[in-house]
Protein backbone atom coordinates (compact mmCIF):
# COMPACT_ATOMS: atom_id res chain seq x y z
CA UNK A 1 -18.23 53.98 45.64
CA UNK A 2 -17.69 49.86 45.24
CA UNK A 3 -16.93 48.56 48.06
CA UNK A 4 -17.63 44.58 47.60
CA UNK A 5 -14.63 42.64 47.33
CA UNK A 6 -14.37 39.69 45.17
CA UNK A 7 -12.12 36.52 44.38
CA UNK A 8 -9.85 38.57 41.67
CA UNK A 9 -9.32 41.19 45.20
CA UNK A 10 -8.91 38.05 47.67
CA UNK A 11 -6.23 36.70 44.80
CA UNK A 12 -4.37 40.10 44.06
CA UNK A 13 -3.32 40.08 48.44
CA UNK A 14 -2.10 36.29 48.08
CA UNK A 15 -4.89 34.27 48.68
CA UNK A 16 -4.76 31.03 45.99
CA UNK A 17 -7.95 29.46 44.56
CA UNK A 18 -9.41 26.35 47.07
CA UNK A 19 -11.75 26.63 50.47
CA UNK A 20 -9.92 28.96 52.24
CA UNK A 21 -10.66 31.72 49.36
CA UNK A 22 -14.37 30.70 49.94
CA UNK A 23 -13.89 31.10 53.10
CA UNK A 24 -12.75 34.59 53.04
CA UNK A 25 -14.96 35.92 50.78
CA UNK A 26 -17.72 34.95 53.17
CA UNK A 27 -15.74 37.04 55.74
CA UNK A 28 -15.63 40.03 53.33
CA UNK A 29 -19.51 40.20 53.40
CA UNK A 30 -19.51 41.58 56.66
CA UNK A 31 -16.97 44.68 55.54
CA UNK A 32 -19.51 46.04 53.10
CA UNK A 33 -20.02 49.39 54.78
CA UNK A 34 -15.91 49.63 55.08
CA UNK A 35 -13.98 51.23 52.76
CA UNK A 36 -12.50 48.54 50.41
CA UNK A 37 -8.86 49.55 50.63
CA UNK A 38 -9.30 49.22 54.88
CA UNK A 39 -10.63 45.57 54.30
CA UNK A 40 -8.67 44.17 52.27
CA UNK A 41 -5.61 45.45 54.29
CA UNK A 42 -7.12 43.72 57.21
CA UNK A 43 -7.73 40.10 54.97
CA UNK A 44 -4.04 40.60 54.32
CA UNK A 45 -2.96 41.08 58.03
CA UNK A 46 -4.76 37.43 58.79
CA UNK A 47 -3.63 35.67 55.71
CA UNK A 48 0.33 37.12 56.92
CA UNK A 49 -0.33 36.27 61.29
CA UNK A 50 -3.66 34.20 61.31
CA UNK A 51 -2.67 33.40 64.79
CA UNK A 52 -3.37 36.74 65.84
CA UNK A 53 -7.05 36.36 64.57
CA UNK A 54 -7.66 33.38 67.02
CA UNK A 55 -9.91 35.35 69.37
CA UNK A 56 -11.80 37.74 66.92
CA UNK A 57 -15.32 37.81 66.48
CA UNK A 58 -15.41 37.78 63.02
CA UNK A 59 -12.24 37.05 61.49
CA UNK A 60 -11.74 33.48 63.79
CA UNK A 61 -13.11 31.33 61.51
CA UNK A 62 -10.98 32.48 58.38
CA UNK A 63 -7.84 32.52 60.54
CA UNK A 64 -8.38 29.36 62.50
CA UNK A 65 -9.23 28.12 58.79
CA UNK A 66 -5.69 29.19 57.36
CA UNK A 67 -3.93 27.81 60.18
CA UNK A 68 -5.70 24.08 60.07
CA UNK A 69 -4.48 24.12 55.89
CA UNK A 70 -1.31 25.18 56.73
CA UNK A 71 -0.73 22.47 59.31
CA UNK A 72 -2.52 19.49 56.94
CA UNK A 73 0.75 16.94 56.00
CA UNK A 74 -1.15 17.39 52.31
CA UNK A 75 0.23 20.89 51.78
CA UNK A 76 3.37 21.12 53.38
CA UNK A 77 6.67 22.00 51.14
CA UNK A 78 8.48 18.69 50.75
CA UNK A 79 11.96 19.19 51.59
CA UNK A 80 14.19 17.32 49.03
CA UNK A 81 17.60 15.65 50.02
CA UNK A 82 20.45 17.08 49.96
CA UNK A 83 22.49 14.06 49.31
CA UNK A 84 20.87 12.20 45.97
CA UNK A 85 21.01 8.78 45.25
CA UNK A 86 23.53 8.24 42.15
CA UNK A 87 22.30 7.34 39.02
CA UNK A 88 24.22 5.51 35.98
CA UNK A 89 23.95 7.48 32.83
CA UNK A 90 24.13 4.97 29.28
CA UNK A 91 25.58 6.98 26.19
CA UNK A 92 26.75 10.12 28.24
CA UNK A 93 28.70 11.76 25.74
CA UNK A 94 25.32 12.39 23.22
CA UNK A 95 22.61 13.25 26.18
CA UNK A 96 21.64 16.57 26.45
CA UNK A 97 22.56 18.45 29.88
CA UNK A 98 18.82 19.81 30.39
CA UNK A 99 18.04 15.74 30.40
CA UNK A 100 20.92 15.37 33.21
CA UNK A 101 19.71 18.29 35.43
CA UNK A 102 16.19 16.75 35.59
CA UNK A 103 17.63 13.43 36.23
CA UNK A 104 19.58 15.16 39.27
CA UNK A 105 16.81 16.83 40.42
CA UNK A 106 14.15 13.30 40.44
CA UNK A 107 17.35 11.60 42.66
CA UNK A 108 16.39 14.52 45.54
CA UNK A 109 13.16 13.35 45.93
CA UNK A 110 12.91 11.58 49.21
CA UNK A 111 10.51 8.63 47.69
CA UNK A 112 13.55 7.87 45.36
CA UNK A 113 15.24 4.29 45.72
CA UNK A 114 17.25 4.36 42.28
CA UNK A 115 17.34 6.02 38.58
CA UNK A 116 19.22 5.81 35.39
CA UNK A 117 19.14 7.51 32.34
CA UNK A 118 19.20 5.81 28.70
CA UNK A 119 21.05 6.83 25.81
CA UNK A 120 18.06 8.33 23.61
CA UNK A 121 16.96 10.48 26.64
CA UNK A 122 16.23 14.47 26.27
CA UNK A 123 14.54 16.96 28.23
CA UNK A 124 10.91 16.64 29.09
CA UNK A 125 8.47 17.54 31.99
CA UNK A 126 9.55 16.86 34.95
CA UNK A 127 11.01 13.24 34.59
CA UNK A 128 13.45 13.13 31.20
CA UNK A 129 12.49 11.48 28.52
CA UNK A 130 14.48 8.27 28.82
CA UNK A 131 14.34 8.46 32.52
CA UNK A 132 13.83 5.79 34.98
CA UNK A 133 12.97 6.53 38.17
CA UNK A 134 12.34 3.72 41.20
CA UNK A 135 10.57 5.09 44.08
CA UNK A 136 9.44 3.91 47.54
CA UNK A 137 5.36 3.38 48.19
CA UNK A 138 5.08 6.60 45.57
CA UNK A 139 3.73 7.47 41.86
CA UNK A 140 4.04 10.42 39.97
CA UNK A 141 2.00 11.17 36.87
CA UNK A 142 4.72 13.51 35.03
CA UNK A 143 6.79 10.23 35.84
CA UNK A 144 4.92 8.55 33.97
CA UNK A 145 3.99 11.39 30.74
CA UNK A 146 1.11 12.64 29.31
CA UNK A 147 0.83 9.57 26.84
CA UNK A 148 -0.33 6.88 29.18
CA UNK A 149 1.08 3.40 28.22
CA UNK A 150 2.61 4.42 24.95
CA UNK A 151 3.86 1.41 23.22
CA UNK A 152 5.59 -0.32 20.27
CA UNK A 153 3.70 -3.55 18.41
CA UNK A 154 5.08 -5.76 15.92
CA UNK A 155 3.25 -8.38 13.79
CA UNK A 156 5.80 -10.66 11.86
CA UNK A 157 4.26 -12.40 8.74
CA UNK A 158 5.03 -15.43 7.14
CA UNK A 159 5.14 -13.45 3.57
CA UNK A 160 8.30 -12.81 2.00
CA UNK A 161 10.12 -9.14 1.10
CA UNK A 162 9.59 -9.53 -2.61
CA UNK A 163 5.94 -9.88 -2.10
CA UNK A 164 5.84 -6.04 -0.82
CA UNK A 165 8.17 -5.32 -3.18
CA UNK A 166 5.34 -6.81 -6.03
CA UNK A 167 2.28 -5.51 -4.24
CA UNK A 168 3.06 -1.68 -2.89
CA UNK A 169 0.06 -0.19 -4.11
CA UNK A 170 -1.94 -2.62 -2.57
CA UNK A 171 0.00 -2.06 1.07
CA UNK A 172 -0.47 1.43 0.37
CA UNK A 173 -4.76 1.25 0.21
CA UNK A 174 -4.78 -0.63 2.61
CA UNK A 175 -2.29 1.08 5.05
CA UNK A 176 -4.66 4.18 4.41
CA UNK A 177 -8.07 2.60 4.75
CA UNK A 178 -6.94 1.08 7.88
CA UNK A 179 -5.81 3.49 10.08
CA UNK A 180 -6.82 6.97 11.53
CA UNK A 181 -4.48 9.65 12.90
CA UNK A 182 -4.38 12.66 14.16
CA UNK A 183 -5.50 14.71 16.77
CA UNK A 184 -8.98 14.45 18.32
CA UNK A 185 -9.50 12.06 15.83
CA UNK A 186 -11.19 8.49 15.79
CA UNK A 187 -14.43 6.56 14.32
CA UNK A 188 -17.73 7.28 14.05
CA UNK A 189 -21.18 4.97 14.12
CA UNK A 190 -20.73 1.92 12.19
CA UNK A 191 -17.35 2.50 11.78
CA UNK A 192 -16.19 2.48 15.98
CA UNK A 193 -14.56 -0.70 16.90
CA UNK A 194 -15.62 -3.00 19.43
CA UNK A 195 -13.40 -4.60 22.16
CA UNK A 196 -13.67 -5.99 25.49
CA UNK A 197 -11.00 -3.16 26.80
CA UNK A 198 -14.95 -1.50 26.83
CA UNK A 199 -15.93 -3.58 29.43
CA UNK A 200 -13.72 -3.09 31.81
CA UNK A 201 -14.95 -2.46 35.83
CA UNK A 202 -12.22 0.21 36.01
CA UNK A 203 -13.95 2.65 33.65
CA UNK A 204 -16.49 3.30 36.93
CA UNK A 205 -13.75 3.49 39.70
CA UNK A 206 -14.85 7.46 39.93
CA UNK A 207 -17.12 9.73 37.98
CA UNK A 208 -14.14 11.46 36.21
CA UNK A 209 -12.92 8.43 34.64
CA UNK A 210 -16.56 6.83 33.69
CA UNK A 211 -16.93 10.09 31.84
CA UNK A 212 -14.18 9.48 29.58
CA UNK A 213 -15.37 6.19 28.39
CA UNK A 214 -17.56 7.73 25.20
CA UNK A 215 -14.42 9.42 24.45
CA UNK A 216 -11.94 6.46 24.65
CA UNK A 217 -14.78 3.68 22.57
CA UNK A 218 -14.73 6.46 19.75
CA UNK A 219 -11.00 6.74 19.44
CA UNK A 220 -10.27 2.83 19.83
CA UNK A 221 -8.34 1.48 17.09
CA UNK A 222 -6.75 5.35 16.14
CA UNK A 223 -3.14 6.70 16.65
CA UNK A 224 -2.19 9.56 17.65
CA UNK A 225 -0.43 12.64 15.99
CA UNK A 226 3.54 13.52 16.47
CA UNK A 227 6.20 10.80 16.32
CA UNK A 228 3.00 7.80 16.09
CA UNK A 229 3.08 5.78 13.35
CA UNK A 230 1.55 2.39 10.99
CA UNK A 231 4.83 1.04 8.97
CA UNK A 232 5.21 -1.97 7.01
CA UNK A 233 8.66 -2.94 6.77
CA UNK A 234 11.23 -5.71 5.95
CA UNK A 235 12.31 -7.61 9.40
CA UNK A 236 15.49 -9.72 8.92
CA UNK A 237 16.47 -12.54 11.06
CA UNK A 238 20.45 -12.99 10.60
CA UNK A 239 20.12 -16.41 12.52
CA UNK A 240 17.22 -18.56 13.25
CA UNK A 241 15.47 -17.24 16.40
CA UNK A 242 14.98 -20.53 18.56
CA UNK A 243 12.58 -18.93 21.19
CA UNK A 244 10.06 -16.99 18.28
CA UNK A 245 10.19 -20.17 16.05
CA UNK A 246 11.60 -18.05 13.81
CA UNK A 247 14.41 -19.40 10.91
CA UNK A 248 16.81 -16.70 9.82
CA UNK A 249 15.55 -14.53 6.76
CA UNK A 250 13.98 -11.79 5.49
CA UNK A 251 9.74 -11.18 6.07
CA UNK A 252 7.38 -8.72 5.90
CA UNK A 253 6.39 -6.84 9.13
CA UNK A 254 3.57 -4.40 10.22
CA UNK A 255 5.27 -1.91 13.18
CA UNK A 256 3.27 0.04 14.90
CA UNK A 257 3.76 2.84 17.97
CA UNK A 258 0.92 5.01 19.30
CA UNK A 259 -0.75 5.86 23.15
CA UNK A 260 -3.78 5.84 24.74
CA UNK A 261 -5.21 8.60 23.05
CA UNK A 262 -7.22 11.59 24.17
CA UNK A 263 -8.37 9.05 27.01
CA UNK A 264 -4.80 8.84 28.84
CA UNK A 265 -3.76 12.55 28.09
CA UNK A 266 -7.14 13.41 30.25
CA UNK A 267 -6.34 11.15 32.78
CA UNK A 268 -2.67 12.55 32.78
CA UNK A 269 -3.41 16.11 32.78
CA UNK A 270 -6.11 15.29 35.76
CA UNK A 271 -4.16 13.24 38.16
CA UNK A 272 -1.10 16.19 37.23
CA UNK A 273 -3.05 18.88 38.50
CA UNK A 274 -4.45 16.60 41.74
CA UNK A 275 -0.71 15.55 42.40
CA UNK A 276 0.10 19.40 42.72
CA UNK A 277 -2.63 20.62 44.51
CA UNK A 278 -1.27 17.34 47.38
CA UNK A 279 2.27 17.16 47.15
CA UNK A 280 3.95 20.56 47.40
CA UNK A 281 7.51 20.49 45.92
CA UNK A 282 10.22 23.64 45.77
CA UNK A 283 10.17 24.86 41.68
CA UNK A 284 12.31 23.42 40.55
CA UNK A 285 11.06 20.06 40.89
CA UNK A 286 7.00 20.80 41.03
CA UNK A 287 6.71 18.99 38.04
CA UNK A 288 7.66 15.72 40.13
CA UNK A 289 4.75 15.85 42.29
CA UNK A 290 3.84 12.35 43.93
CA UNK A 291 1.09 10.25 45.35
CA UNK A 292 1.35 7.68 47.99
CA UNK A 293 0.23 4.81 46.23
CA UNK A 294 -1.61 3.60 49.59
CA UNK A 295 -3.80 7.21 49.19
CA UNK A 296 -7.12 7.54 48.15
CA UNK A 297 -5.64 9.13 44.90
CA UNK A 298 -2.91 7.00 44.52
CA UNK A 299 -5.04 4.38 43.99
CA UNK A 300 -7.12 5.98 41.88
CA UNK A 301 -4.42 7.15 39.66
CA UNK A 302 -2.86 3.59 39.72
CA UNK A 303 -6.31 1.97 38.33
CA UNK A 304 -6.80 4.67 35.66
CA UNK A 305 -3.08 4.87 34.77
CA UNK A 306 -3.16 0.77 34.58
CA UNK A 307 -6.38 0.85 32.26
CA UNK A 308 -5.12 3.14 30.13
CA UNK A 309 -2.21 1.24 29.44
CA UNK A 310 -4.22 -1.56 28.53
CA UNK A 311 -6.37 0.91 26.64
CA UNK A 312 -3.12 1.76 24.12
CA UNK A 313 -2.63 -1.78 23.98
CA UNK A 314 -6.45 -2.22 22.50
CA UNK A 315 -5.94 -0.08 19.80
CA UNK A 316 -2.78 -1.67 18.29
CA UNK A 317 -4.37 -4.78 19.01
CA UNK A 318 -7.14 -3.36 16.67
CA UNK A 319 -5.03 -2.03 14.00
CA UNK A 320 -2.95 -5.15 13.71
CA UNK A 321 -6.15 -7.38 13.26
CA UNK A 322 -7.43 -5.10 10.38
CA UNK A 323 -4.15 -5.16 8.75
CA UNK A 324 -4.01 -9.17 8.80
CA UNK A 325 -7.26 -9.54 7.62
CA UNK A 326 -7.02 -7.38 5.05
CA UNK A 327 -3.26 -8.66 3.46
CA UNK A 328 -3.71 -12.67 4.69
CA UNK A 329 -0.88 -14.37 5.35
CA UNK A 330 0.45 -16.25 8.72
CA UNK A 331 1.30 -14.34 11.48
CA UNK A 332 4.78 -16.05 12.70
CA UNK A 333 4.77 -14.12 16.05
CA UNK A 334 3.39 -10.36 17.46
CA UNK A 335 5.74 -8.48 20.28
CA UNK A 336 4.62 -5.67 22.37
CA UNK A 337 6.47 -3.62 24.49
CA UNK A 338 5.40 0.13 26.29
CA UNK A 339 6.93 2.96 27.68
CA UNK A 340 4.92 5.79 29.45
CA UNK A 341 4.56 3.88 32.86
CA UNK A 342 5.05 2.74 35.95
CA UNK A 343 5.18 -0.87 37.54
CA UNK A 344 5.80 -2.48 41.28
CA UNK A 345 9.37 -4.62 40.74
CA UNK A 346 11.67 -5.93 43.53
CA UNK A 347 14.44 -3.93 43.40
CA UNK A 348 17.52 -4.40 46.09
CA UNK A 349 15.43 -6.56 47.70
CA UNK A 350 12.43 -4.12 48.13
CA UNK A 351 9.16 -3.06 46.34
CA UNK A 352 9.76 -0.34 44.47
CA UNK A 353 7.83 1.42 41.52
CA UNK A 354 10.01 2.00 38.67
CA UNK A 355 8.74 5.01 36.38
CA UNK A 356 10.07 4.19 32.67
CA UNK A 357 9.33 7.48 31.01
CA UNK A 358 10.58 6.95 27.11
CA UNK A 359 12.22 3.72 28.51
CA UNK A 360 11.35 0.04 28.26
CA UNK A 361 11.77 -3.21 30.43
CA UNK A 362 14.58 -4.96 29.37
CA UNK A 363 14.83 -7.72 32.07
CA UNK A 364 15.90 -10.38 31.35
CA UNK A 365 15.21 -12.35 28.39
CA UNK A 366 12.05 -9.59 28.09
CA UNK A 367 11.38 -8.91 24.43
CA UNK A 368 11.39 -5.34 23.04
CA UNK A 369 10.84 -3.10 19.70
CA UNK A 370 13.59 -0.24 19.71
CA UNK A 371 12.49 1.85 16.56
CA UNK A 372 14.63 4.59 15.05
CA UNK A 373 13.19 7.15 12.51
CA UNK A 374 11.22 7.08 9.56
CA UNK A 375 14.23 5.70 7.51
CA UNK A 376 16.74 4.38 9.96
CA UNK A 377 16.71 0.68 10.81
CA UNK A 378 14.51 -0.29 14.51
CA UNK A 379 15.65 -3.36 16.49
CA UNK A 380 14.00 -6.77 17.55
CA UNK A 381 15.69 -6.84 20.97
CA UNK A 382 15.89 -9.46 23.82
CA UNK A 383 16.68 -7.96 28.07
CA UNK A 384 19.99 -8.72 29.79
CA UNK A 385 18.59 -7.87 33.37
CA UNK A 386 21.42 -4.95 33.70
CA UNK A 387 20.91 -4.41 37.29
CA UNK A 388 22.44 -0.64 36.77
CA UNK A 389 19.67 0.39 34.20
CA UNK A 390 16.88 -1.09 36.41
CA UNK A 391 16.29 -3.45 33.76
CA UNK A 392 15.45 -0.95 31.14
CA UNK A 393 16.62 0.09 27.96
CA UNK A 394 16.27 3.18 25.36
CA UNK A 395 12.71 3.41 23.94
CA UNK A 396 13.92 4.32 20.82
CA UNK A 397 16.36 6.82 19.04
CA UNK A 398 15.37 10.07 21.11
CA UNK A 399 15.52 13.39 19.47
CA UNK A 400 18.28 15.20 18.86
CA UNK A 401 16.36 18.47 17.57
CA UNK A 402 12.91 19.99 19.08
CA UNK A 403 10.06 20.17 17.17
CA UNK A 404 10.31 24.15 16.66
CA UNK A 405 13.99 23.46 16.10
CA UNK A 406 13.41 21.39 13.12
CA UNK A 407 11.01 22.56 11.52
CA UNK A 408 12.78 25.98 11.30
CA UNK A 409 15.66 24.16 10.19
CA UNK A 410 15.03 21.51 7.76
CA UNK A 411 13.38 22.05 4.44
CA UNK A 412 10.61 20.00 2.58
CA UNK A 413 12.98 19.66 -0.14
CA UNK A 414 15.33 17.58 2.59
CA UNK A 415 13.30 15.69 4.13
CA UNK A 416 11.75 14.01 0.60
CA UNK A 417 15.44 13.74 -0.59
CA UNK A 418 16.67 11.56 2.87
CA UNK A 419 13.10 9.57 2.06
CA UNK A 420 14.41 8.60 -1.41
CA UNK A 421 18.27 7.78 -0.81
CA UNK A 422 16.27 5.35 1.86
CA UNK A 423 13.57 4.12 -0.38
CA UNK A 424 10.72 5.23 1.86
CA UNK A 425 7.12 5.70 1.17
CA UNK A 426 5.93 8.35 3.76
CA UNK A 427 1.80 9.05 4.18
CA UNK A 428 1.45 12.02 6.36
CA UNK A 429 3.95 13.63 8.72
CA UNK A 430 5.39 17.25 9.33
CA UNK A 431 9.00 18.65 9.07
CA UNK A 432 8.77 18.35 13.06
CA UNK A 433 9.06 14.32 12.25
CA UNK A 434 11.94 14.26 10.03
CA UNK A 435 14.74 11.85 10.25
CA UNK A 436 17.58 14.59 10.87
CA UNK A 437 15.30 15.29 14.13
CA UNK A 438 16.39 12.30 15.50
CA UNK A 439 19.35 10.58 16.95
CA UNK A 440 21.79 8.11 15.01
CA UNK A 441 19.82 4.97 16.26
CA UNK A 442 22.94 3.10 15.62
CA UNK A 443 25.05 4.88 18.24
CA UNK A 444 22.35 4.55 20.74
CA UNK A 445 22.53 0.94 20.16
CA UNK A 446 26.09 1.00 20.55
CA UNK A 447 25.60 2.63 23.75
CA UNK A 448 23.28 -0.33 25.47
CA UNK A 449 25.17 -3.48 24.67
CA UNK A 450 24.97 -3.79 27.91
CA UNK A 451 21.23 -3.70 28.42
CA UNK A 452 19.86 -5.61 24.94
CA UNK A 453 20.82 -8.34 22.40
CA UNK A 454 19.65 -7.60 19.05
CA UNK A 455 17.21 -10.31 17.84
CA UNK A 456 16.88 -8.76 14.22
CA UNK A 457 16.92 -5.82 12.35
CA UNK A 458 13.97 -3.54 10.91
CA UNK A 459 13.62 -1.56 7.99
CA UNK A 460 10.99 0.47 6.97
CA UNK A 461 9.28 0.82 3.72
CA UNK A 462 5.85 2.19 3.81
CA UNK A 463 5.37 4.67 6.83
CA UNK A 464 2.00 6.43 7.69
CA UNK A 465 1.48 9.25 10.26
CA UNK A 466 -0.56 12.03 11.28
CA UNK A 467 -1.02 14.53 8.15
CA UNK A 468 -0.61 17.61 9.64
CA UNK A 469 2.11 16.30 12.26
CA UNK A 470 -0.35 17.09 15.77
CA UNK A 471 0.45 15.68 18.68
CA UNK A 472 -1.77 16.28 20.93
CA UNK A 473 -4.42 14.19 21.93
């Protein structure tokens, strides 16, 4: 008869992975001579009633470890507030119930100070996409999101729109040559780009972050899958903008959307798992697990998050530099804004951490870019600093159809016809990114007139996306 007790046996009776399991396995070795079911029954009793075994010669180490672990503040269940903070919803009539339910739960966290839901909101993991959450001394990895520091970057050229139409073949050729898309894709050998971001000290904050340096180097200057894109378009200024020093007119513009690639995704996964181990929340809120910003783990994540955000910016910088060099022309302005991030800001007189997951900063005078879909216009905007929105605005049109639903309900013929009607050339992309899968950007903008002023309108003309519609970085 095999009386050997394994880790799988202990997991079966309610033990969990970690230090306690190791102690239990060590104690179990002393029961090799006993019948296995009897020994397991005894170990289960210790797990359920450890205080009864503190004087037991064999079981005392295990009982003591279980009690100490249960009393560790890091592992105590955290209660949600029964009277949550209220929050403002913009474009309420067009927001799905799932997103509202997730925001309702986020407002019950004991660290929550304020919240808001943007008009492009839809259900995500933890905090909904389009959710803004201000917390006190707490940072939530899933409140930031998986694609840390994902952003929009816009370069406006002094080139008139007529030049684009007269040279579309060249614009297409250079767009394909200078970009690299898709899950796991990057550059090798002599094709790898260099950038000062690779020299940052933060890559050495932990062995975990340090071992991601080569991945970051390989994918530097590339774009992810899913809704990430690089596109040529025409930007229309109805009147002169004094702050940008751009006259009324229609200009060539380059717009890109991507994030921190595999580096950021790996950082997000690692620290989300760690937060869930440290911060024990009820099941409905478990994806909102947080770190105390002053803890070692909180500081590690904060540094890694900021590094990932700057890395995402470096990727855009390289893409735009390549295409500016390839096409020539004078750059009139470059504007960049990001989402899936957390900022330290002053709110009602106190410092808070503002998480914007699929939402962008829109403080008074802050510039931003809010895109539509591959056939719908995007908008260059300037924030109004609306308090109810926690100085935020939407990050795009927002999905009205899940990726799975889009793939099932939209045909290639429908997508092709929509592109033709809009006069858009598409390179890559899957049906999950079809224009019909997104909300009406004009409705979204109409719902946030209190949040931003429109400076100019961007119309996509040539869009490059991942060939396979992939979305994992």
